[in-house]
Every structure is written in structure tokens, then in C-alpha cells.
Amino acid sequence: MMLGPSRPMPRVGARARVAHFGGGFEAAVVLTVHDQGRRLEVRCEGGEMLEFALSPATARFVAAGSSHGARLELLD
């Protein structure tokens, strides 16, 4: 029996949630997937475009090139 991934794989159109540094969440949609799923661009519900990269240390998507500390959670 082959097991699949333990969490959702990034794909264009997938629903996501941005967890902002200091609290607060915002709905988002994945727009692009790069580097075999290690870099993503999303559009937040307010229209803001954000880029996230998979952290090799934590295996979580974190804001790319920014120090504000947002994280991305894939929902489907």
C-alpha cells in the first residue's frame, strides 16, 4: 500500500490561510507554484499578493524575503 503526503500538496487554485505575525488570519488562494512546490505566490482576500518559501528547517511555508513572519497554511 502506497501512502500519500501527510499534508496538502501545493497546487494552483488551492485554498490557504495566511497566519500573520502577532496574530490574525487571512484567507488566500494559491496563484503560482514554483521550484517543485517549494515556492508559492498567493493572493489574499484583500487583494495583496504574497510569496512564501518552504523552510527546510521547519517544513512550513514562511514569507519569502520578509521579516514580518507570516506563515502559510494550505487548506486543500
N, C-alpha and C. Protein backbone atom coordinates (compact mmCIF):
# COMPACT_ATOMS: atom_id res chain seq x y z
N MET A 1 0.84 -1.18 0.00
CA MET A 1 0.00 0.00 0.00
C MET A 1 0.89 1.24 0.00
N MET A 2 0.64 2.17 -0.92
CA MET A 2 1.40 3.42 -1.01
C MET A 2 0.69 4.49 -0.20
N LEU A 3 1.43 5.16 0.64
CA LEU A 3 0.87 6.26 1.41
C LEU A 3 1.11 7.56 0.67
N GLY A 4 0.14 8.47 0.76
CA GLY A 4 0.28 9.78 0.14
C GLY A 4 0.91 10.75 1.11
N PRO A 5 1.01 12.00 0.69
CA PRO A 5 1.58 13.02 1.58
C PRO A 5 0.72 13.20 2.83
N SER A 6 1.37 13.56 3.93
CA SER A 6 0.64 13.73 5.19
C SER A 6 -0.08 15.07 5.30
N ARG A 7 0.21 15.98 4.36
CA ARG A 7 -0.46 17.27 4.35
C ARG A 7 -0.74 17.66 2.90
N PRO A 8 -1.61 18.65 2.70
CA PRO A 8 -1.95 19.02 1.32
C PRO A 8 -0.72 19.47 0.52
N MET A 9 -0.66 19.05 -0.73
CA MET A 9 0.41 19.48 -1.63
C MET A 9 -0.03 20.79 -2.29
N PRO A 10 0.90 21.71 -2.50
CA PRO A 10 0.52 22.98 -3.11
C PRO A 10 0.10 22.80 -4.56
N ARG A 11 -0.99 23.46 -4.94
CA ARG A 11 -1.45 23.45 -6.32
C ARG A 11 -2.15 24.77 -6.60
N VAL A 12 -2.13 25.18 -7.84
CA VAL A 12 -2.79 26.42 -8.24
C VAL A 12 -4.29 26.29 -7.96
N GLY A 13 -4.85 27.31 -7.34
CA GLY A 13 -6.27 27.32 -7.01
C GLY A 13 -6.60 26.80 -5.62
N ALA A 14 -5.61 26.25 -4.93
CA ALA A 14 -5.85 25.69 -3.59
C ALA A 14 -6.17 26.81 -2.60
N ARG A 15 -7.06 26.52 -1.69
CA ARG A 15 -7.38 27.46 -0.61
C ARG A 15 -6.26 27.41 0.41
N ALA A 16 -5.98 28.56 1.00
CA ALA A 16 -4.93 28.65 2.01
C ALA A 16 -5.30 29.70 3.04
N ARG A 17 -4.51 29.76 4.09
CA ARG A 17 -4.73 30.74 5.15
C ARG A 17 -3.38 31.32 5.53
N VAL A 18 -3.30 32.65 5.54
CA VAL A 18 -2.08 33.33 5.95
C VAL A 18 -2.19 33.64 7.44
N ALA A 19 -1.22 33.17 8.21
CA ALA A 19 -1.15 33.46 9.64
C ALA A 19 -0.15 34.60 9.80
N HIS A 20 -0.65 35.77 10.14
CA HIS A 20 0.21 36.94 10.26
C HIS A 20 0.94 36.95 11.59
N PHE A 21 2.15 37.52 11.59
CA PHE A 21 2.95 37.66 12.79
C PHE A 21 2.17 38.48 13.81
N GLY A 22 2.09 38.02 15.01
CA GLY A 22 1.36 38.74 16.05
C GLY A 22 -0.11 38.39 16.13
N GLY A 23 -0.55 37.46 15.32
CA GLY A 23 -1.94 37.03 15.35
C GLY A 23 -2.71 37.50 14.13
N GLY A 24 -3.84 36.94 13.94
CA GLY A 24 -4.69 37.28 12.82
C GLY A 24 -4.46 36.36 11.64
N PHE A 25 -5.55 36.01 10.99
CA PHE A 25 -5.52 35.12 9.84
C PHE A 25 -6.24 35.77 8.69
N GLU A 26 -5.86 35.38 7.48
CA GLU A 26 -6.48 35.93 6.28
C GLU A 26 -6.57 34.82 5.24
N ALA A 27 -7.74 34.70 4.62
CA ALA A 27 -7.93 33.70 3.57
C ALA A 27 -7.10 34.08 2.35
N ALA A 28 -6.64 33.06 1.62
CA ALA A 28 -5.83 33.29 0.42
C ALA A 28 -6.05 32.15 -0.56
N VAL A 29 -5.61 32.37 -1.80
CA VAL A 29 -5.68 31.36 -2.85
C VAL A 29 -4.30 31.27 -3.50
N VAL A 30 -3.83 30.05 -3.75
CA VAL A 30 -2.54 29.85 -4.39
C VAL A 30 -2.66 30.21 -5.87
N LEU A 31 -1.79 31.13 -6.33
CA LEU A 31 -1.80 31.56 -7.73
C LEU A 31 -0.73 30.87 -8.56
N THR A 32 0.46 30.71 -8.00
CA THR A 32 1.54 30.05 -8.73
C THR A 32 2.32 29.13 -7.80
N VAL A 33 2.87 28.08 -8.40
CA VAL A 33 3.70 27.11 -7.67
C VAL A 33 5.02 27.01 -8.43
N HIS A 34 6.14 27.23 -7.75
CA HIS A 34 7.47 27.20 -8.36
C HIS A 34 8.38 26.24 -7.61
N ASP A 35 9.50 25.91 -8.22
CA ASP A 35 10.55 25.09 -7.59
C ASP A 35 10.00 23.80 -6.99
N GLN A 36 9.20 23.10 -7.78
CA GLN A 36 8.63 21.81 -7.38
C GLN A 36 7.84 21.90 -6.07
N GLY A 37 7.10 23.00 -5.92
CA GLY A 37 6.25 23.17 -4.76
C GLY A 37 6.91 23.81 -3.56
N ARG A 38 8.14 24.28 -3.71
CA ARG A 38 8.84 24.89 -2.57
C ARG A 38 8.64 26.40 -2.48
N ARG A 39 8.13 27.03 -3.54
CA ARG A 39 7.85 28.47 -3.52
C ARG A 39 6.45 28.69 -4.08
N LEU A 40 5.68 29.51 -3.39
CA LEU A 40 4.30 29.77 -3.78
C LEU A 40 4.02 31.26 -3.80
N GLU A 41 3.13 31.67 -4.67
CA GLU A 41 2.61 33.03 -4.66
C GLU A 41 1.11 32.92 -4.42
N VAL A 42 0.60 33.72 -3.49
CA VAL A 42 -0.82 33.67 -3.15
C VAL A 42 -1.43 35.07 -3.24
N ARG A 43 -2.75 35.10 -3.43
CA ARG A 43 -3.50 36.34 -3.36
C ARG A 43 -4.38 36.27 -2.12
N CYS A 44 -4.22 37.25 -1.24
CA CYS A 44 -5.01 37.30 -0.01
C CYS A 44 -6.40 37.86 -0.30
N GLU A 45 -7.32 37.67 0.63
CA GLU A 45 -8.69 38.12 0.42
C GLU A 45 -8.78 39.62 0.19
N GLY A 46 -7.83 40.40 0.70
CA GLY A 46 -7.81 41.84 0.49
C GLY A 46 -7.16 42.25 -0.81
N GLY A 47 -6.67 41.27 -1.60
CA GLY A 47 -6.06 41.55 -2.89
C GLY A 47 -4.55 41.59 -2.87
N GLU A 48 -3.93 41.58 -1.69
CA GLU A 48 -2.47 41.63 -1.58
C GLU A 48 -1.86 40.33 -2.09
N MET A 49 -0.74 40.46 -2.84
CA MET A 49 -0.01 39.31 -3.34
C MET A 49 1.18 39.06 -2.41
N LEU A 50 1.35 37.82 -1.96
CA LEU A 50 2.46 37.46 -1.09
C LEU A 50 3.16 36.24 -1.65
N GLU A 51 4.47 36.14 -1.38
CA GLU A 51 5.25 34.99 -1.80
C GLU A 51 5.75 34.26 -0.55
N PHE A 52 5.68 32.93 -0.61
CA PHE A 52 6.11 32.10 0.51
C PHE A 52 7.10 31.05 0.01
N ALA A 53 8.01 30.66 0.88
CA ALA A 53 9.00 29.64 0.57
C ALA A 53 8.96 28.57 1.66
N LEU A 54 9.17 27.34 1.26
CA LEU A 54 9.20 26.24 2.21
C LEU A 54 10.50 26.28 3.00
N SER A 55 10.37 26.38 4.30
CA SER A 55 11.56 26.42 5.16
C SER A 55 12.11 25.00 5.33
N PRO A 56 13.38 24.78 4.98
CA PRO A 56 13.94 23.44 5.18
C PRO A 56 14.07 23.07 6.66
N ALA A 57 14.15 24.07 7.51
CA ALA A 57 14.30 23.81 8.95
C ALA A 57 13.00 23.37 9.61
N THR A 58 11.87 23.94 9.14
CA THR A 58 10.59 23.67 9.80
C THR A 58 9.57 22.95 8.93
N ALA A 59 9.84 22.86 7.62
CA ALA A 59 8.91 22.28 6.65
C ALA A 59 7.58 23.03 6.63
N ARG A 60 7.64 24.33 6.90
CA ARG A 60 6.45 25.20 6.81
C ARG A 60 6.72 26.29 5.79
N PHE A 61 5.63 26.79 5.19
CA PHE A 61 5.77 27.91 4.26
C PHE A 61 5.84 29.21 5.06
N VAL A 62 6.92 29.96 4.82
CA VAL A 62 7.14 31.23 5.51
C VAL A 62 7.29 32.33 4.47
N ALA A 63 7.03 33.57 4.89
CA ALA A 63 7.11 34.71 3.97
C ALA A 63 8.50 34.78 3.35
N ALA A 64 8.56 34.88 2.04
CA ALA A 64 9.84 34.95 1.33
C ALA A 64 10.35 36.38 1.32
N GLY A 65 11.62 36.55 1.69
CA GLY A 65 12.25 37.86 1.62
C GLY A 65 11.65 38.91 2.51
N SER A 66 11.07 38.50 3.61
CA SER A 66 10.43 39.46 4.50
C SER A 66 10.69 39.07 5.94
N SER A 67 10.70 40.06 6.79
CA SER A 67 10.93 39.77 8.20
C SER A 67 9.64 39.86 9.01
N HIS A 68 8.49 40.00 8.35
CA HIS A 68 7.25 40.14 9.13
C HIS A 68 6.72 38.83 9.65
N GLY A 69 7.27 37.71 9.24
CA GLY A 69 6.99 36.43 9.87
C GLY A 69 5.67 35.77 9.53
N ALA A 70 5.02 36.13 8.44
CA ALA A 70 3.77 35.45 8.08
C ALA A 70 4.07 34.01 7.68
N ARG A 71 3.13 33.14 7.97
CA ARG A 71 3.21 31.73 7.57
C ARG A 71 2.00 31.40 6.72
N LEU A 72 2.13 30.40 5.87
CA LEU A 72 1.02 29.98 5.02
C LEU A 72 0.62 28.58 5.38
N GLU A 73 -0.69 28.38 5.53
CA GLU A 73 -1.24 27.05 5.80
C GLU A 73 -2.11 26.65 4.63
N LEU A 74 -1.81 25.53 4.00
CA LEU A 74 -2.64 25.02 2.90
C LEU A 74 -3.86 24.32 3.47
N LEU A 75 -5.03 24.62 2.92
CA LEU A 75 -6.27 24.04 3.44
C LEU A 75 -6.80 22.89 2.60
N ASP A 76 -6.48 22.87 1.30
CA ASP A 76 -6.93 21.73 0.47
C ASP A 76 -5.96 21.44 -0.63
